[in-house]
Protein backbone atom coordinates (compact mmCIF):
# COMPACT_ATOMS: atom_id res chain seq x y z
CA UNK A 1 -0.12 -0.07 0.18
CA UNK A 2 2.85 2.14 0.87
CA UNK A 3 4.61 1.57 -2.36
CA UNK A 4 1.13 2.59 -4.51
CA UNK A 5 0.45 5.86 -2.33
CA UNK A 6 4.41 6.78 -3.00
CA UNK A 7 3.72 5.99 -6.78
CA UNK A 8 0.63 8.39 -6.99
CA UNK A 9 2.24 10.91 -5.16
CA UNK A 10 5.41 10.66 -7.12
CA UNK A 11 3.08 10.63 -10.40
CA UNK A 12 1.30 13.78 -9.12
CA UNK A 13 4.54 15.42 -8.35
CA UNK A 14 6.03 14.85 -12.41
CA UNK A 15 2.96 15.91 -14.00
CA UNK A 16 2.45 18.70 -11.71
CA UNK A 17 5.83 19.72 -12.83
CA UNK A 18 5.28 18.78 -16.49
CA UNK A 19 2.05 21.29 -16.53
CA UNK A 20 3.98 24.03 -14.89
CA UNK A 21 6.42 23.71 -17.92
CA UNK A 22 4.04 23.70 -20.54
CA UNK A 23 1.50 26.47 -19.54
CA UNK A 24 2.24 29.92 -20.42
CA UNK A 25 0.84 33.21 -19.42
CA UNK A 26 -1.47 34.87 -21.59
CA UNK A 27 0.70 37.40 -22.92
CA UNK A 28 1.25 39.02 -26.13
CA UNK A 29 2.43 37.25 -28.94
CA UNK A 30 2.30 37.95 -32.94
CA UNK A 31 3.76 36.87 -35.46
CA UNK A 32 4.01 39.55 -38.59
CA UNK A 33 4.86 39.30 -42.33
CA UNK A 34 7.14 41.92 -43.36
CA UNK A 35 5.13 44.19 -45.65
CA UNK A 36 8.81 44.88 -47.87
CA UNK A 37 10.11 41.54 -47.78
CA UNK A 38 9.20 38.42 -47.16
CA UNK A 39 10.82 37.78 -43.52
CA UNK A 40 8.70 37.00 -40.56
CA UNK A 41 9.25 38.94 -37.31
CA UNK A 42 7.74 37.63 -34.07
CA UNK A 43 7.34 39.64 -31.08
CA UNK A 44 6.44 38.24 -27.80
CA UNK A 45 6.43 38.89 -23.86
CA UNK A 46 8.38 36.87 -21.80
CA UNK A 47 7.26 33.57 -20.54
CA UNK A 48 6.00 33.10 -17.22
CA UNK A 49 6.47 37.05 -16.28
CA UNK A 50 3.43 39.03 -15.01
CA UNK A 51 1.80 41.22 -17.47
CA UNK A 52 3.02 44.67 -15.89
CA UNK A 53 6.33 44.27 -16.61
CA UNK A 54 9.40 42.07 -17.40
CA UNK A 55 10.58 42.02 -21.19
CA UNK A 56 9.91 40.93 -24.41
CA UNK A 57 11.75 39.61 -27.62
CA UNK A 58 12.07 39.99 -31.06
CA UNK A 59 12.82 37.87 -33.32
CA UNK A 60 13.54 38.25 -37.30
CA UNK A 61 13.32 35.10 -39.59
CA UNK A 62 14.04 34.55 -43.01
CA UNK A 63 11.57 35.11 -46.09
CA UNK A 64 11.58 31.36 -46.79
CA UNK A 65 9.60 31.15 -43.38
CA UNK A 66 5.46 30.85 -43.52
CA UNK A 67 3.80 32.79 -41.34
CA UNK A 68 2.58 29.67 -39.43
CA UNK A 69 6.24 28.24 -38.83
CA UNK A 70 8.94 30.88 -39.15
CA UNK A 71 12.05 28.36 -39.95
CA UNK A 72 15.22 30.22 -40.16
CA UNK A 73 15.98 32.35 -37.10
CA UNK A 74 18.39 34.94 -38.06
CA UNK A 75 18.64 37.87 -35.25
CA UNK A 76 16.72 38.59 -31.92
CA UNK A 77 16.38 41.18 -29.34
CA UNK A 78 15.37 41.10 -25.69
CA UNK A 79 14.00 44.55 -24.72
CA UNK A 80 12.60 45.27 -21.00
CA UNK A 81 8.93 46.70 -20.67
CA UNK A 82 7.31 48.18 -17.78
CA UNK A 83 3.72 46.97 -18.90
CA UNK A 84 2.21 45.20 -21.16
CA UNK A 85 2.36 45.06 -25.21
CA UNK A 86 -0.56 46.76 -26.96
CA UNK A 87 0.08 46.50 -30.12
CA UNK A 88 3.05 46.04 -32.76
CA UNK A 89 2.64 47.47 -36.51
CA UNK A 90 5.09 48.36 -39.63
CA UNK A 91 5.62 52.02 -40.31
CA UNK A 92 7.82 53.85 -42.47
CA UNK A 93 8.88 56.38 -39.51
CA UNK A 94 12.01 57.57 -41.55
CA UNK A 95 10.45 58.13 -44.96
CA UNK A 96 12.93 55.58 -46.40
CA UNK A 97 10.52 53.44 -47.94
CA UNK A 98 11.29 50.31 -45.89
CA UNK A 99 8.64 49.89 -42.87
CA UNK A 100 10.11 49.49 -39.43
CA UNK A 101 8.68 47.58 -36.52
CA UNK A 102 7.09 49.57 -33.95
CA UNK A 103 5.95 48.09 -30.55
CA UNK A 104 3.68 50.12 -28.00
CA UNK A 105 3.78 49.29 -24.49
CA UNK A 106 1.04 50.68 -21.85
CA UNK A 107 1.87 50.94 -18.43
CA UNK A 108 0.22 48.72 -16.41
CA UNK A 109 -1.97 51.85 -14.77
CA UNK A 110 -2.76 53.06 -17.81
CA UNK A 111 -1.18 56.62 -17.54
CA UNK A 112 1.73 56.13 -19.76
CA UNK A 113 2.79 54.02 -22.57
CA UNK A 114 5.99 53.76 -24.22
CA UNK A 115 7.10 52.68 -28.06
CA UNK A 116 10.12 50.93 -29.56
CA UNK A 117 11.44 50.85 -33.34
CA UNK A 118 13.18 48.62 -35.16
CA UNK A 119 15.28 48.21 -38.30
CA UNK A 120 15.64 45.29 -40.00
CA UNK A 121 17.35 44.00 -43.46
CA UNK A 122 17.94 39.99 -44.94
CA UNK A 123 21.04 39.88 -42.30
CA UNK A 124 20.17 41.93 -39.22
CA UNK A 125 17.66 43.36 -35.95
CA UNK A 126 18.48 46.58 -34.36
CA UNK A 127 16.65 48.61 -32.05
CA UNK A 128 16.45 51.97 -33.85
CA UNK A 129 14.56 54.75 -31.79
CA UNK A 130 13.09 54.22 -28.29
CA UNK A 131 10.42 56.80 -26.69
CA UNK A 132 8.96 56.32 -22.47
CA UNK A 133 7.00 57.93 -20.39
CA UNK A 134 4.66 59.26 -22.59
CA UNK A 135 1.06 60.33 -22.27
CA UNK A 136 -1.50 57.69 -22.91
CA UNK A 137 -3.14 60.02 -25.33
CA UNK A 138 -0.17 60.84 -27.09
CA UNK A 139 0.75 59.70 -30.73
CA UNK A 140 3.84 57.61 -30.29
CA UNK A 141 4.58 57.79 -33.96
CA UNK A 142 5.00 61.38 -33.64
CA UNK A 143 7.22 61.19 -31.00
CA UNK A 144 9.00 58.44 -32.68
CA UNK A 145 9.81 60.43 -35.60
CA UNK A 146 10.95 63.44 -33.62
CA UNK A 147 13.65 61.48 -32.08
CA UNK A 148 14.95 60.10 -35.14
CA UNK A 149 18.18 61.56 -36.11
CA UNK A 150 18.06 64.08 -39.03
CA UNK A 151 19.24 63.08 -42.10
CA UNK A 152 22.65 64.47 -43.62
CA UNK A 153 22.05 66.91 -46.43
CA UNK A 154 23.28 63.81 -48.90
CA UNK A 155 21.33 61.30 -47.69
CA UNK A 156 18.42 63.27 -49.01
CA UNK A 157 17.32 61.72 -52.18
CA UNK A 158 17.09 64.75 -54.85
CA UNK A 159 14.55 64.66 -57.61
CA UNK A 160 15.65 66.49 -60.69
CA UNK A 161 13.10 67.69 -62.82
CA UNK A 162 13.72 69.45 -66.02
CA UNK A 163 11.23 71.18 -68.03
CA UNK A 164 11.94 72.91 -71.48
CA UNK A 165 9.75 75.86 -72.61
CA UNK A 166 8.75 76.87 -75.89
CA UNK A 167 10.44 80.25 -76.70
């Protein structure tokens, strides 16, 4: 009888550990396909962390991946967060014709938000600009744009239009 009780207890303990390892929080997890390339970006709040704060990851997968099953990891970053991820979207912040990934985070109290913008290409992912402690009524895209470094004169695209006049 003792052996049976021990076996049942051990089974319960083993099952509780297995279940704890597979149960994730109800945090934000999203995969997005880049509008400019075939790449997949995955954004996820940290596993086993409270929604009110912790970290989140951004991962970049190659263009051969499907949205359902990204397969070739290229690069990734982990960022701190004070609050929960409200949304992730692609926006061309710097006007270069290539969309950046923007992650918007609302504080747990709802009084403020922060946002991070990422640039990416076929080989890398990098944090481009961050904005924090904004009022919840602030447009985070405008704030992120204002924090981008000004383009140098040589970086501006110049479009020359020639006009012929009849004399």
